[in-house]
Amino acid sequence: MRKIIKRNKTRISLNKKLLALIVFSVASLSACADTILQGDVERGSEISMVCGMCHGVNGISNIPIYPNLAGQKEQYLVLQLKAFRSGERVNIAMTSHAQKLTDQDIADLSAYYAQLDPKPQ
């Protein structure tokens, strides 16, 4: 009888853990899905002129302290721009520029830079 009770308690405990894992997974996926916008490469190219002053016209910086953006992963760029915009990540130049960007601007810029060739020509 004690073994049956112990097994039932173990099953209940495992079921609770499984349920918690499922709820957490669904919530995480929902949060990620809300933030993904389809980027427009052409529009990203049009609005990238300000970025090009530091990061280079083709996403390859001529200034050693500024990173190359060409060929970076799109979602990485989205996360970094949003972090600059929110103040989670602070940089004297990037924060002020990023604060002016909408979510769609960020998606468009990220799509544009992600598709550029990362090799200098």
C-alpha atoms as a PDB file:
ATOM      1  CA  MET A   1       0.000   0.000   0.000  1.00  0.00           C
ATOM      2  CA  ARG A   2       2.834   2.404   0.860  1.00  0.00           C
ATOM      3  CA  LYS A   3       4.499   1.696  -2.496  1.00  0.00           C
ATOM      4  CA  ILE A   4       1.278   2.580  -4.335  1.00  0.00           C
ATOM      5  CA  ILE A   5       0.926   5.837  -2.405  1.00  0.00           C
ATOM      6  CA  LYS A   6       4.591   6.671  -3.029  1.00  0.00           C
ATOM      7  CA  ARG A   7       4.201   5.973  -6.794  1.00  0.00           C
ATOM      8  CA  ASN A   8       1.088   8.147  -6.944  1.00  0.00           C
ATOM      9  CA  LYS A   9       2.894  11.018  -5.195  1.00  0.00           C
ATOM     10  CA  THR A  10       5.809  10.635  -7.604  1.00  0.00           C
ATOM     11  CA  ARG A  11       3.440  10.706 -10.615  1.00  0.00           C
ATOM     12  CA  ILE A  12       1.657  13.784  -9.281  1.00  0.00           C
ATOM     13  CA  SER A  13       4.997  15.511  -8.702  1.00  0.00           C
ATOM     14  CA  LEU A  14       6.196  14.624 -12.214  1.00  0.00           C
ATOM     15  CA  ASN A  15       2.878  15.720 -13.716  1.00  0.00           C
ATOM     16  CA  LYS A  16       3.157  19.091 -11.973  1.00  0.00           C
ATOM     17  CA  LYS A  17       6.713  19.543 -13.231  1.00  0.00           C
ATOM     18  CA  LEU A  18       5.684  18.560 -16.762  1.00  0.00           C
ATOM     19  CA  LEU A  19       2.749  20.953 -16.669  1.00  0.00           C
ATOM     20  CA  ALA A  20       5.003  23.770 -15.435  1.00  0.00           C
ATOM     21  CA  LEU A  21       7.481  23.048 -18.241  1.00  0.00           C
ATOM     22  CA  ILE A  22       4.724  23.116 -20.865  1.00  0.00           C
ATOM     23  CA  VAL A  23       3.296  26.394 -19.521  1.00  0.00           C
ATOM     24  CA  PHE A  24       6.764  27.978 -19.433  1.00  0.00           C
ATOM     25  CA  SER A  25       7.532  26.805 -22.982  1.00  0.00           C
ATOM     26  CA  VAL A  26       4.272  28.138 -24.399  1.00  0.00           C
ATOM     27  CA  ALA A  27       4.751  31.468 -22.615  1.00  0.00           C
ATOM     28  CA  SER A  28       8.320  31.753 -23.916  1.00  0.00           C
ATOM     29  CA  LEU A  29       7.299  30.996 -27.485  1.00  0.00           C
ATOM     30  CA  SER A  30       4.457  33.495 -27.275  1.00  0.00           C
ATOM     31  CA  ALA A  31       6.804  36.201 -26.039  1.00  0.00           C
ATOM     32  CA  CYS A  32       9.216  35.514 -28.888  1.00  0.00           C
ATOM     33  CA  ALA A  33       6.472  35.452 -31.493  1.00  0.00           C
ATOM     34  CA  ASP A  34       5.212  38.892 -30.478  1.00  0.00           C
ATOM     35  CA  THR A  35       8.557  40.536 -31.185  1.00  0.00           C
ATOM     36  CA  ILE A  36       9.285  39.154 -34.658  1.00  0.00           C
ATOM     37  CA  LEU A  37       8.387  41.489 -37.509  1.00  0.00           C
ATOM     38  CA  GLN A  38       9.117  40.847 -41.163  1.00  0.00           C
ATOM     39  CA  GLY A  39      11.933  43.183 -42.225  1.00  0.00           C
ATOM     40  CA  ASP A  40      11.878  45.004 -45.566  1.00  0.00           C
ATOM     41  CA  VAL A  41      15.409  44.949 -47.021  1.00  0.00           C
ATOM     42  CA  GLU A  42      14.733  47.794 -49.473  1.00  0.00           C
ATOM     43  CA  ARG A  43      13.361  50.090 -46.780  1.00  0.00           C
ATOM     44  CA  GLY A  44      16.240  49.067 -44.508  1.00  0.00           C
ATOM     45  CA  SER A  45      18.660  50.183 -47.215  1.00  0.00           C
ATOM     46  CA  GLU A  46      16.878  53.534 -47.477  1.00  0.00           C
ATOM     47  CA  ILE A  47      16.978  54.278 -43.754  1.00  0.00           C
ATOM     48  CA  SER A  48      20.526  52.994 -43.198  1.00  0.00           C
ATOM     49  CA  MET A  49      22.250  56.201 -44.308  1.00  0.00           C
ATOM     50  CA  VAL A  50      22.721  57.455 -40.748  1.00  0.00           C
ATOM     51  CA  CYS A  51      24.098  54.043 -39.724  1.00  0.00           C
ATOM     52  CA  GLY A  52      26.523  54.130 -42.651  1.00  0.00           C
ATOM     53  CA  MET A  53      28.332  57.164 -41.245  1.00  0.00           C
ATOM     54  CA  CYS A  54      29.924  54.984 -38.569  1.00  0.00           C
ATOM     55  CA  HIS A  55      29.292  51.404 -39.707  1.00  0.00           C
ATOM     56  CA  GLY A  56      30.163  51.975 -43.381  1.00  0.00           C
ATOM     57  CA  VAL A  57      27.879  52.358 -46.394  1.00  0.00           C
ATOM     58  CA  ASN A  58      27.961  48.584 -47.032  1.00  0.00           C
ATOM     59  CA  GLY A  59      27.986  47.638 -43.346  1.00  0.00           C
ATOM     60  CA  ILE A  60      31.794  47.395 -43.259  1.00  0.00           C
ATOM     61  CA  SER A  61      33.185  50.017 -40.905  1.00  0.00           C
ATOM     62  CA  ASN A  62      36.252  52.045 -41.841  1.00  0.00           C
ATOM     63  CA  ILE A  63      36.584  53.150 -38.223  1.00  0.00           C
ATOM     64  CA  PRO A  64      38.179  50.498 -35.985  1.00  0.00           C
ATOM     65  CA  ILE A  65      36.025  51.203 -32.915  1.00  0.00           C
ATOM     66  CA  TYR A  66      32.734  50.631 -34.769  1.00  0.00           C
ATOM     67  CA  PRO A  67      31.616  47.060 -35.543  1.00  0.00           C
ATOM     68  CA  ASN A  68      30.806  45.741 -38.987  1.00  0.00           C
ATOM     69  CA  LEU A  69      27.080  45.094 -39.407  1.00  0.00           C
ATOM     70  CA  ALA A  70      27.163  43.341 -42.783  1.00  0.00           C
ATOM     71  CA  GLY A  71      26.291  39.667 -42.482  1.00  0.00           C
ATOM     72  CA  GLN A  72      25.331  39.794 -38.803  1.00  0.00           C
ATOM     73  CA  LYS A  73      22.446  37.537 -37.806  1.00  0.00           C
ATOM     74  CA  GLU A  74      19.149  39.377 -38.211  1.00  0.00           C
ATOM     75  CA  GLN A  75      17.687  38.548 -34.791  1.00  0.00           C
ATOM     76  CA  TYR A  76      20.976  39.491 -33.109  1.00  0.00           C
ATOM     77  CA  LEU A  77      20.746  42.948 -34.691  1.00  0.00           C
ATOM     78  CA  VAL A  78      17.098  43.251 -33.622  1.00  0.00           C
ATOM     79  CA  LEU A  79      17.961  42.371 -30.018  1.00  0.00           C
ATOM     80  CA  GLN A  80      20.906  44.777 -29.878  1.00  0.00           C
ATOM     81  CA  LEU A  81      18.987  47.716 -31.365  1.00  0.00           C
ATOM     82  CA  LYS A  82      16.090  47.122 -28.980  1.00  0.00           C
ATOM     83  CA  ALA A  83      18.537  46.934 -26.059  1.00  0.00           C
ATOM     84  CA  PHE A  84      20.051  50.295 -27.086  1.00  0.00           C
ATOM     85  CA  ARG A  85      16.585  51.797 -27.518  1.00  0.00           C
ATOM     86  CA  SER A  86      15.348  50.633 -24.099  1.00  0.00           C
ATOM     87  CA  GLY A  87      18.512  51.675 -22.277  1.00  0.00           C
ATOM     88  CA  GLU A  88      19.327  48.076 -21.337  1.00  0.00           C
ATOM     89  CA  ARG A  89      22.505  48.567 -23.356  1.00  0.00           C
ATOM     90  CA  VAL A  90      24.032  52.048 -23.279  1.00  0.00           C
ATOM     91  CA  ASN A  91      26.358  53.700 -25.767  1.00  0.00           C
ATOM     92  CA  ILE A  92      26.635  57.443 -26.179  1.00  0.00           C
ATOM     93  CA  ALA A  93      26.124  57.270 -29.958  1.00  0.00           C
ATOM     94  CA  MET A  94      23.862  54.257 -30.375  1.00  0.00           C
ATOM     95  CA  THR A  95      21.360  54.981 -27.612  1.00  0.00           C
ATOM     96  CA  SER A  96      20.282  58.327 -29.068  1.00  0.00           C
ATOM     97  CA  HIS A  97      19.946  56.883 -32.597  1.00  0.00           C
ATOM     98  CA  ALA A  98      18.113  53.746 -31.477  1.00  0.00           C
ATOM     99  CA  GLN A  99      15.585  55.699 -29.404  1.00  0.00           C
ATOM    100  CA  LYS A 100      14.258  57.205 -32.651  1.00  0.00           C
ATOM    101  CA  LEU A 101      13.630  53.794 -34.254  1.00  0.00           C
ATOM    102  CA  THR A 102      10.280  52.005 -34.356  1.00  0.00           C
ATOM    103  CA  ASP A 103      10.027  48.214 -34.156  1.00  0.00           C
ATOM    104  CA  GLN A 104       9.494  48.185 -37.937  1.00  0.00           C
ATOM    105  CA  ASP A 105      12.583  50.371 -38.512  1.00  0.00           C
ATOM    106  CA  ILE A 106      14.622  47.929 -36.438  1.00  0.00           C
ATOM    107  CA  ALA A 107      13.260  44.942 -38.375  1.00  0.00           C
ATOM    108  CA  ASP A 108      14.006  46.652 -41.700  1.00  0.00           C
ATOM    109  CA  LEU A 109      17.554  47.679 -40.763  1.00  0.00           C
ATOM    110  CA  SER A 110      18.299  44.229 -39.350  1.00  0.00           C
ATOM    111  CA  ALA A 111      17.016  42.491 -42.501  1.00  0.00           C
ATOM    112  CA  TYR A 112      19.095  44.827 -44.661  1.00  0.00           C
ATOM    113  CA  TYR A 113      22.374  44.358 -42.786  1.00  0.00           C
ATOM    114  CA  ALA A 114      21.902  40.607 -42.389  1.00  0.00           C
ATOM    115  CA  GLN A 115      21.752  40.066 -46.146  1.00  0.00           C
ATOM    116  CA  LEU A 116      24.912  42.100 -46.920  1.00  0.00           C
ATOM    117  CA  ASP A 117      28.192  40.342 -47.711  1.00  0.00           C
ATOM    118  CA  PRO A 118      30.405  40.534 -44.614  1.00  0.00           C
ATOM    119  CA  LYS A 119      33.625  40.477 -46.682  1.00  0.00           C
ATOM    120  CA  PRO A 120      35.174  43.849 -47.555  1.00  0.00           C
ATOM    121  CA  GLN A 121      35.342  44.431 -51.293  1.00  0.00           C
END
